[in-house]
């Protein structure tokens, strides 16, 4: 991050500390509780949010070498990501062209240059080309080139792999990012995510709608209560610096040590040493920037009432994991434990509101990240519903 931007953000924090204030939205926001429990709404979100827009499907660091692959679900579309021998990333519908069997069942793997269907053993290269058909004479009129895996638009940028889960769609990533990430693209570039390695990724399913889990990471109002015995002693109560970039967000969560910078020369200020910096990449990716590593949290909808959380801790390639494994493991556990505190509450929110005994959730002016998130959801869904067909 550029020094002048760091200085500007720190100035805003110090001004809030002096005035005992925080960034605030213009007003409260009410969101219908039904939005979290409606199956119809969930399907609408899958179609409008996850299927019709470029979304971050993986980290470049998770597919670093030729033969690496990842299988996931995006908006109900099974997606297979793979890196070929030339280092290019491919995205395909994860389904055999014979009978539609899910081709790859393993979530992650390496050194896989050929995929073989577990039903009838049709085989494909990791660039999607159909290689072989057992008893091929039984298909005398079949043209292999017409039965390659169905490609999906994919592109790498900022150490992130973006996918549009719509076959034959146009992924104008430059236009999309230039518009939606204008203002933070330089921030993301400076993070150099592609030069990091993943340390022991963590995955767990939670019994809550995906939006409940996303909401919890977009405000600091809960820190003093939920994280009282874990991370709160390092942070302020209800203090947040917020910036919005189209549907994406940047949040600065200042640590108590930031007050010391008022006595330090400005050219020596370092934001990462005195704050947690969060980039929320709409709709479901959180980059948690810490002093010497980055935690990437993916919130993946499974059903209206279940979500999968994946946490990938990124450390610079220059570090030797074997030498510092105890240090990195300690940091990993701190991050996962703090996140779990949020997600446990998320499950209780979902349980408590399930009866729809009250019509809406209300988010205060200090919960402006959540308000912006739901405003984006509504805008995109409404725009999608207006489109013909």
Protein backbone atom coordinates (compact mmCIF):
# COMPACT_ATOMS: atom_id res chain seq x y z
CA UNK A 1 0.00 0.00 0.00
CA UNK A 2 1.30 3.43 -0.92
CA UNK A 3 2.65 5.47 1.95
CA UNK A 4 0.36 8.45 1.30
CA UNK A 5 -2.71 6.18 1.44
CA UNK A 6 -1.49 4.61 4.69
CA UNK A 7 -1.01 8.08 6.13
CA UNK A 8 -4.47 9.14 5.05
CA UNK A 9 -6.11 6.08 6.64
CA UNK A 10 -4.12 6.47 9.85
CA UNK A 11 -5.05 10.17 9.97
CA UNK A 12 -8.71 9.17 9.83
CA UNK A 13 -8.21 6.67 12.65
CA UNK A 14 -6.40 9.20 14.85
CA UNK A 15 -9.13 11.78 14.20
CA UNK A 16 -11.75 9.27 15.34
CA UNK A 17 -9.74 8.49 18.46
CA UNK A 18 -9.49 12.17 19.32
CA UNK A 19 -13.21 12.72 18.76
CA UNK A 20 -14.31 9.30 20.11
CA UNK A 21 -16.20 8.62 16.89
CA UNK A 22 -16.23 6.08 14.06
CA UNK A 23 -17.25 6.01 10.40
CA UNK A 24 -21.03 5.95 10.12
CA UNK A 25 -23.61 5.25 7.43
CA UNK A 26 -26.19 7.97 6.68
CA UNK A 27 -28.90 5.94 8.43
CA UNK A 28 -29.82 2.53 9.79
CA UNK A 29 -30.79 -0.21 7.37
CA UNK A 30 -33.54 -2.79 7.70
CA UNK A 31 -33.22 -6.15 5.94
CA UNK A 32 -36.15 -8.61 5.84
CA UNK A 33 -35.44 -11.69 7.95
CA UNK A 34 -37.06 -13.74 5.19
CA UNK A 35 -34.08 -12.93 2.94
CA UNK A 36 -32.02 -15.31 5.08
CA UNK A 37 -34.54 -18.18 5.13
CA UNK A 38 -36.34 -18.13 1.80
CA UNK A 39 -35.40 -20.93 -0.61
CA UNK A 40 -36.67 -18.77 -3.46
CA UNK A 41 -34.39 -15.95 -2.38
CA UNK A 42 -31.44 -18.34 -2.09
CA UNK A 43 -31.96 -19.59 -5.65
CA UNK A 44 -32.23 -16.01 -6.86
CA UNK A 45 -28.92 -15.14 -5.21
CA UNK A 46 -27.23 -18.19 -6.70
CA UNK A 47 -28.41 -17.23 -10.16
CA UNK A 48 -27.94 -13.45 -9.99
CA UNK A 49 -24.92 -13.13 -7.73
CA UNK A 50 -22.80 -16.24 -8.22
CA UNK A 51 -23.66 -17.31 -11.78
CA UNK A 52 -23.87 -14.03 -13.65
CA UNK A 53 -20.79 -12.19 -12.37
CA UNK A 54 -17.05 -12.91 -12.15
CA UNK A 55 -16.27 -14.29 -8.71
CA UNK A 56 -13.04 -15.31 -7.01
CA UNK A 57 -12.93 -19.10 -7.28
CA UNK A 58 -9.45 -19.79 -5.91
CA UNK A 59 -6.06 -18.37 -5.04
CA UNK A 60 -3.21 -18.65 -7.51
CA UNK A 61 -1.20 -19.98 -4.57
CA UNK A 62 -3.53 -22.99 -4.38
CA UNK A 63 -2.77 -23.91 -7.99
CA UNK A 64 0.89 -23.00 -8.16
CA UNK A 65 2.28 -25.89 -10.18
CA UNK A 66 1.28 -27.62 -13.42
CA UNK A 67 -1.02 -30.49 -12.51
CA UNK A 68 -2.58 -28.70 -9.53
CA UNK A 69 -6.39 -28.68 -9.52
CA UNK A 70 -9.37 -27.60 -7.45
CA UNK A 71 -13.03 -28.61 -7.62
CA UNK A 72 -15.75 -26.40 -6.18
CA UNK A 73 -19.31 -25.21 -6.62
CA UNK A 74 -20.16 -21.71 -7.85
CA UNK A 75 -23.82 -20.81 -7.79
CA UNK A 76 -24.83 -24.43 -8.19
CA UNK A 77 -22.41 -24.96 -11.09
CA UNK A 78 -19.73 -27.63 -10.44
CA UNK A 79 -16.42 -26.09 -11.47
CA UNK A 80 -13.06 -27.74 -12.10
CA UNK A 81 -9.96 -25.53 -12.05
CA UNK A 82 -6.64 -26.87 -13.33
CA UNK A 83 -3.21 -25.62 -14.35
CA UNK A 84 -1.75 -27.17 -17.49
CA UNK A 85 1.88 -27.95 -18.33
CA UNK A 86 2.36 -24.47 -19.79
CA UNK A 87 1.21 -22.89 -16.52
CA UNK A 88 -2.15 -21.70 -17.83
CA UNK A 89 -5.22 -21.95 -15.61
CA UNK A 90 -8.37 -23.52 -17.05
CA UNK A 91 -11.92 -23.65 -15.74
CA UNK A 92 -14.44 -26.24 -16.90
CA UNK A 93 -17.80 -27.55 -15.87
CA UNK A 94 -16.92 -30.48 -13.65
CA UNK A 95 -19.01 -33.01 -15.55
CA UNK A 96 -18.14 -35.82 -17.96
CA UNK A 97 -19.51 -35.28 -21.47
CA UNK A 98 -20.77 -38.86 -21.65
CA UNK A 99 -23.45 -39.03 -18.96
CA UNK A 100 -22.77 -35.93 -16.89
CA UNK A 101 -21.06 -37.68 -13.99
CA UNK A 102 -19.15 -35.35 -11.72
CA UNK A 103 -15.66 -35.88 -13.07
CA UNK A 104 -13.52 -34.90 -10.07
CA UNK A 105 -14.76 -35.60 -6.55
CA UNK A 106 -11.64 -34.53 -4.66
CA UNK A 107 -11.67 -30.88 -3.57
CA UNK A 108 -7.97 -30.25 -4.13
CA UNK A 109 -4.98 -32.07 -5.53
CA UNK A 110 -1.72 -31.95 -7.43
CA UNK A 111 0.26 -33.70 -10.17
CA UNK A 112 -2.92 -34.51 -12.08
CA UNK A 113 -2.57 -33.98 -15.83
CA UNK A 114 -5.34 -36.37 -16.80
CA UNK A 115 -8.79 -36.78 -15.28
CA UNK A 116 -10.70 -40.05 -15.64
CA UNK A 117 -14.44 -40.30 -15.14
CA UNK A 118 -15.27 -42.64 -12.22
CA UNK A 119 -18.30 -44.04 -14.09
CA UNK A 120 -17.17 -45.24 -17.54
CA UNK A 121 -13.53 -44.06 -17.53
CA UNK A 122 -13.71 -41.44 -20.24
CA UNK A 123 -10.47 -39.46 -19.83
CA UNK A 124 -9.62 -35.80 -20.30
CA UNK A 125 -6.43 -33.76 -20.22
CA UNK A 126 -6.32 -30.97 -17.67
CA UNK A 127 -6.84 -28.45 -20.46
CA UNK A 128 -10.25 -30.08 -21.06
CA UNK A 129 -9.54 -32.12 -24.20
CA UNK A 130 -11.22 -35.52 -24.44
CA UNK A 131 -8.39 -38.07 -24.66
CA UNK A 132 -9.91 -41.50 -24.60
CA UNK A 133 -13.13 -43.52 -24.63
CA UNK A 134 -13.07 -47.17 -23.54
CA UNK A 135 -14.62 -49.35 -26.28
CA UNK A 136 -14.63 -46.36 -28.55
CA UNK A 137 -15.94 -48.47 -31.44
CA UNK A 138 -19.33 -48.30 -29.73
CA UNK A 139 -19.46 -44.61 -30.56
CA UNK A 140 -18.68 -44.66 -34.30
CA UNK A 141 -20.14 -41.21 -35.01
CA UNK A 142 -18.79 -39.36 -31.99
CA UNK A 143 -16.35 -36.54 -32.68
CA UNK A 144 -13.92 -36.07 -29.79
CA UNK A 145 -13.53 -32.35 -30.34
CA UNK A 146 -17.25 -31.91 -29.83
CA UNK A 147 -17.10 -33.66 -26.46
CA UNK A 148 -14.33 -31.86 -24.65
CA UNK A 149 -15.10 -30.57 -21.18
CA UNK A 150 -17.26 -27.46 -21.29
CA UNK A 151 -14.99 -24.44 -20.73
CA UNK A 152 -15.86 -21.54 -18.45
CA UNK A 153 -14.40 -18.03 -18.72
CA UNK A 154 -11.44 -17.70 -16.33
CA UNK A 155 -8.64 -15.22 -15.70
CA UNK A 156 -5.90 -14.65 -13.12
CA UNK A 157 -5.31 -11.23 -11.61
CA UNK A 158 -3.72 -10.07 -8.33
CA UNK A 159 -2.95 -13.67 -7.36
CA UNK A 160 -6.66 -14.50 -7.59
CA UNK A 161 -8.45 -16.77 -10.05
CA UNK A 162 -11.69 -15.25 -11.28
CA UNK A 163 -14.37 -17.39 -12.95
CA UNK A 164 -17.66 -16.59 -14.62
CA UNK A 165 -19.68 -19.84 -14.29
CA UNK A 166 -21.55 -19.32 -17.56
CA UNK A 167 -20.40 -21.28 -20.62
CA UNK A 168 -19.85 -19.09 -23.70
CA UNK A 169 -20.20 -15.92 -21.61
CA UNK A 170 -17.79 -13.03 -22.06
CA UNK A 171 -15.53 -12.48 -19.07
CA UNK A 172 -14.51 -8.87 -19.43
CA UNK A 173 -12.37 -8.94 -16.33
CA UNK A 174 -10.51 -5.76 -17.18
CA UNK A 175 -13.74 -3.84 -17.56
CA UNK A 176 -15.25 -5.46 -14.49
CA UNK A 177 -12.24 -4.85 -12.27
CA UNK A 178 -11.46 -1.39 -13.62
CA UNK A 179 -15.01 -0.40 -12.74
CA UNK A 180 -15.65 -2.33 -9.54
CA UNK A 181 -12.15 -2.28 -8.04
CA UNK A 182 -11.17 1.20 -9.09
CA UNK A 183 -9.39 2.63 -6.09
CA UNK A 184 -8.11 -0.60 -4.57
CA UNK A 185 -6.61 -2.43 -7.55
CA UNK A 186 -3.21 -0.97 -6.62
CA UNK A 187 -3.75 -2.20 -3.05
CA UNK A 188 -4.43 -5.73 -4.27
CA UNK A 189 -1.47 -5.64 -6.62
CA UNK A 190 0.81 -4.53 -3.79
CA UNK A 191 -0.24 -7.52 -1.65
CA UNK A 192 1.53 -9.84 -4.16
CA UNK A 193 -0.72 -12.75 -3.30
CA UNK A 194 0.82 -14.75 -6.15
CA UNK A 195 4.13 -14.75 -4.28
CA UNK A 196 2.68 -16.41 -1.19
CA UNK A 197 2.24 -20.05 -0.24
CA UNK A 198 -0.65 -21.65 1.60
CA UNK A 199 -0.12 -22.94 5.12
CA UNK A 200 -2.55 -25.70 6.17
CA UNK A 201 -5.94 -24.58 4.77
CA UNK A 202 -8.94 -25.07 7.03
CA UNK A 203 -12.49 -25.93 6.02
CA UNK A 204 -15.70 -26.36 8.00
CA UNK A 205 -19.44 -26.29 7.33
CA UNK A 206 -21.74 -24.12 9.45
CA UNK A 207 -25.50 -24.30 9.93
CA UNK A 208 -26.33 -20.78 8.81
CA UNK A 209 -27.20 -18.85 5.69
CA UNK A 210 -24.10 -17.52 3.95
CA UNK A 211 -25.17 -13.89 4.43
CA UNK A 212 -25.29 -14.27 8.22
CA UNK A 213 -21.64 -15.36 8.17
CA UNK A 214 -20.67 -12.56 5.80
CA UNK A 215 -22.43 -9.94 7.94
CA UNK A 216 -20.33 -10.80 10.98
CA UNK A 217 -17.06 -9.83 9.34
CA UNK A 218 -18.17 -6.36 8.21
CA UNK A 219 -18.42 -4.54 11.55
CA UNK A 220 -16.51 -4.11 14.83
CA UNK A 221 -19.59 -3.43 16.95
CA UNK A 222 -19.43 -6.99 18.34
CA UNK A 223 -15.73 -7.12 19.23
CA UNK A 224 -16.01 -6.14 22.91
CA UNK A 225 -18.59 -8.85 23.59
CA UNK A 226 -17.85 -11.76 21.24
CA UNK A 227 -14.05 -11.49 21.28
CA UNK A 228 -13.67 -10.26 24.86
CA UNK A 229 -11.22 -13.02 25.85
CA UNK A 230 -9.43 -13.44 22.55
CA UNK A 231 -8.59 -10.54 20.23
CA UNK A 232 -10.59 -7.64 21.68
CA UNK A 233 -7.86 -6.56 24.14
CA UNK A 234 -5.78 -5.56 21.08
CA UNK A 235 -8.56 -3.51 19.44
CA UNK A 236 -10.84 -0.58 20.17
CA UNK A 237 -14.55 -0.86 20.85
CA UNK A 238 -16.69 0.05 17.86
CA UNK A 239 -14.01 1.80 15.79
CA UNK A 240 -13.88 1.29 12.03
CA UNK A 241 -12.62 3.17 8.97
CA UNK A 242 -14.64 2.20 5.91
CA UNK A 243 -14.34 2.74 2.16
CA UNK A 244 -16.55 1.34 -0.58
CA UNK A 245 -15.51 0.57 -4.14
CA UNK A 246 -18.59 -0.33 -6.18
CA UNK A 247 -19.67 -3.56 -4.46
CA UNK A 248 -16.32 -4.18 -2.76
CA UNK A 249 -15.07 -2.78 0.54
CA UNK A 250 -11.95 -1.85 2.44
CA UNK A 251 -12.16 -1.82 6.23
CA UNK A 252 -9.49 -0.69 8.69
CA UNK A 253 -9.75 -2.24 12.16
CA UNK A 254 -7.29 -0.24 14.26
CA UNK A 255 -5.32 -1.83 17.08
CA UNK A 256 -4.76 0.08 20.31
CA UNK A 257 -1.10 0.50 19.39
CA UNK A 258 -2.04 2.85 16.55
CA UNK A 259 -2.35 5.70 19.04
CA UNK A 260 1.42 5.60 19.42
CA UNK A 261 1.84 6.77 15.81
CA UNK A 262 0.83 10.28 16.82
CA UNK A 263 4.37 10.52 18.24
CA UNK A 264 6.12 8.90 15.25
CA UNK A 265 7.39 10.55 12.07
CA UNK A 266 4.77 10.17 9.33
CA UNK A 267 7.21 8.65 6.87
CA UNK A 268 7.70 5.75 9.30
CA UNK A 269 4.02 4.90 9.62
CA UNK A 270 3.08 1.33 8.76
CA UNK A 271 -0.63 0.55 8.80
CA UNK A 272 -0.29 -3.25 8.82
CA UNK A 273 1.67 -3.12 12.06
CA UNK A 274 -1.11 -1.26 13.87
CA UNK A 275 -4.36 -2.43 12.29
CA UNK A 276 -6.06 -5.35 10.67
CA UNK A 277 -6.87 -4.38 7.09
CA UNK A 278 -9.79 -6.15 5.45
CA UNK A 279 -10.70 -6.27 1.77
CA UNK A 280 -14.15 -7.67 1.14
CA UNK A 281 -14.34 -8.83 -2.48
CA UNK A 282 -18.03 -9.11 -3.25
CA UNK A 283 -19.84 -11.35 -2.80
CA UNK A 284 -18.02 -13.78 -0.51
CA UNK A 285 -14.24 -13.34 -0.21
CA UNK A 286 -12.50 -11.71 2.75
CA UNK A 287 -8.80 -10.84 2.68
CA UNK A 288 -7.63 -10.32 6.26
CA UNK A 289 -4.29 -8.51 6.06
CA UNK A 290 -2.04 -8.97 9.10
CA UNK A 291 1.53 -7.71 9.65
CA UNK A 292 3.37 -10.67 8.09
CA UNK A 293 0.69 -12.88 6.54
CA UNK A 294 -2.76 -12.84 4.98
CA UNK A 295 -5.82 -14.94 5.81
CA UNK A 296 -8.23 -15.50 2.94
CA UNK A 297 -11.75 -16.49 3.97
CA UNK A 298 -14.23 -17.84 1.41
CA UNK A 299 -17.90 -18.03 2.41
CA UNK A 300 -19.56 -20.56 0.11
CA UNK A 301 -23.33 -21.15 0.08
CA UNK A 302 -24.30 -24.83 0.18
CA UNK A 303 -28.01 -24.43 0.85
CA UNK A 304 -30.27 -21.79 2.31
CA UNK A 305 -29.34 -23.04 5.79
CA UNK A 306 -25.76 -24.28 5.39
CA UNK A 307 -22.49 -22.68 4.33
CA UNK A 308 -18.88 -23.72 3.97
CA UNK A 309 -16.07 -21.60 5.35
CA UNK A 310 -12.61 -22.07 3.87
CA UNK A 311 -9.65 -20.32 5.49
CA UNK A 312 -6.34 -20.21 3.62
CA UNK A 313 -3.42 -18.66 5.48
CA UNK A 314 -0.93 -17.15 3.06
CA UNK A 315 2.69 -16.60 4.05
CA UNK A 316 5.43 -15.09 1.85
CA UNK A 317 7.38 -17.58 -0.26
CA UNK A 318 10.58 -16.27 1.30
CA UNK A 319 9.60 -17.87 4.61
CA UNK A 320 10.60 -21.42 5.41
CA UNK A 321 7.57 -23.23 6.78
CA UNK A 322 9.64 -26.03 8.33
CA UNK A 323 11.74 -23.57 10.32
CA UNK A 324 8.84 -21.48 11.59
CA UNK A 325 6.07 -24.08 11.67
CA UNK A 326 5.32 -23.48 15.37
CA UNK A 327 4.99 -19.73 14.79
CA UNK A 328 2.72 -20.11 11.76
CA UNK A 329 0.61 -22.76 13.50
CA UNK A 330 0.08 -20.43 16.46
CA UNK A 331 -1.05 -17.62 14.14
CA UNK A 332 -3.29 -20.03 12.24
CA UNK A 333 -5.00 -21.15 15.44
CA UNK A 334 -5.52 -17.57 16.63
CA UNK A 335 -7.17 -16.66 13.32
CA UNK A 336 -9.38 -19.74 13.14
CA UNK A 337 -10.42 -19.44 16.79
CA UNK A 338 -11.40 -15.78 16.39
CA UNK A 339 -13.35 -16.53 13.20
CA UNK A 340 -15.07 -19.49 14.86
CA UNK A 341 -16.29 -17.16 17.61
CA UNK A 342 -18.08 -15.17 14.89
CA UNK A 343 -19.48 -18.22 13.14
CA UNK A 344 -20.76 -19.82 16.35
CA UNK A 345 -22.75 -16.64 16.94
CA UNK A 346 -23.84 -16.80 13.30
CA UNK A 347 -25.39 -20.22 13.88
CA UNK A 348 -27.21 -18.86 16.94
CA UNK A 349 -28.50 -15.91 14.93
CA UNK A 350 -29.86 -18.31 12.36
CA UNK A 351 -31.49 -20.45 15.06
CA UNK A 352 -32.94 -17.47 16.88
CA UNK A 353 -34.40 -15.79 13.81
CA UNK A 354 -35.69 -18.99 12.17
CA UNK A 355 -39.20 -18.49 13.48
CA UNK A 356 -39.41 -15.15 11.66
CA UNK A 357 -41.07 -13.83 14.81
CA UNK A 358 -39.96 -10.34 13.79
CA UNK A 359 -39.99 -8.93 10.26
CA UNK A 360 -36.47 -7.58 9.82
CA UNK A 361 -32.94 -7.24 11.11
CA UNK A 362 -31.84 -3.67 11.77
CA UNK A 363 -28.24 -2.61 11.18
CA UNK A 364 -27.00 0.53 12.89
CA UNK A 365 -25.11 3.39 11.31
CA UNK A 366 -21.92 1.88 12.75
CA UNK A 367 -22.58 -1.35 10.82
CA UNK A 368 -22.13 0.39 7.49
CA UNK A 369 -20.23 -2.50 5.88
CA UNK A 370 -23.25 -4.75 6.30
CA UNK A 371 -25.57 -2.06 4.96
CA UNK A 372 -23.38 -1.66 1.86
CA UNK A 373 -23.26 -5.44 1.35
CA UNK A 374 -27.05 -5.79 1.37
CA UNK A 375 -27.50 -2.71 -0.78
CA UNK A 376 -25.24 -4.35 -3.38
CA UNK A 377 -27.18 -7.61 -3.17
CA UNK A 378 -30.48 -5.86 -3.76
CA UNK A 379 -29.15 -3.74 -6.62
CA UNK A 380 -27.69 -6.68 -8.53
CA UNK A 381 -30.74 -8.88 -8.02
CA UNK A 382 -33.07 -6.12 -9.16
CA UNK A 383 -30.96 -5.45 -12.25
CA UNK A 384 -30.88 -9.15 -13.09
CA UNK A 385 -34.64 -9.49 -12.68
CA UNK A 386 -35.21 -6.63 -15.11
CA UNK A 387 -33.21 -8.28 -17.88
CA UNK A 388 -35.35 -9.95 -20.54
CA UNK A 389 -35.61 -13.73 -20.47
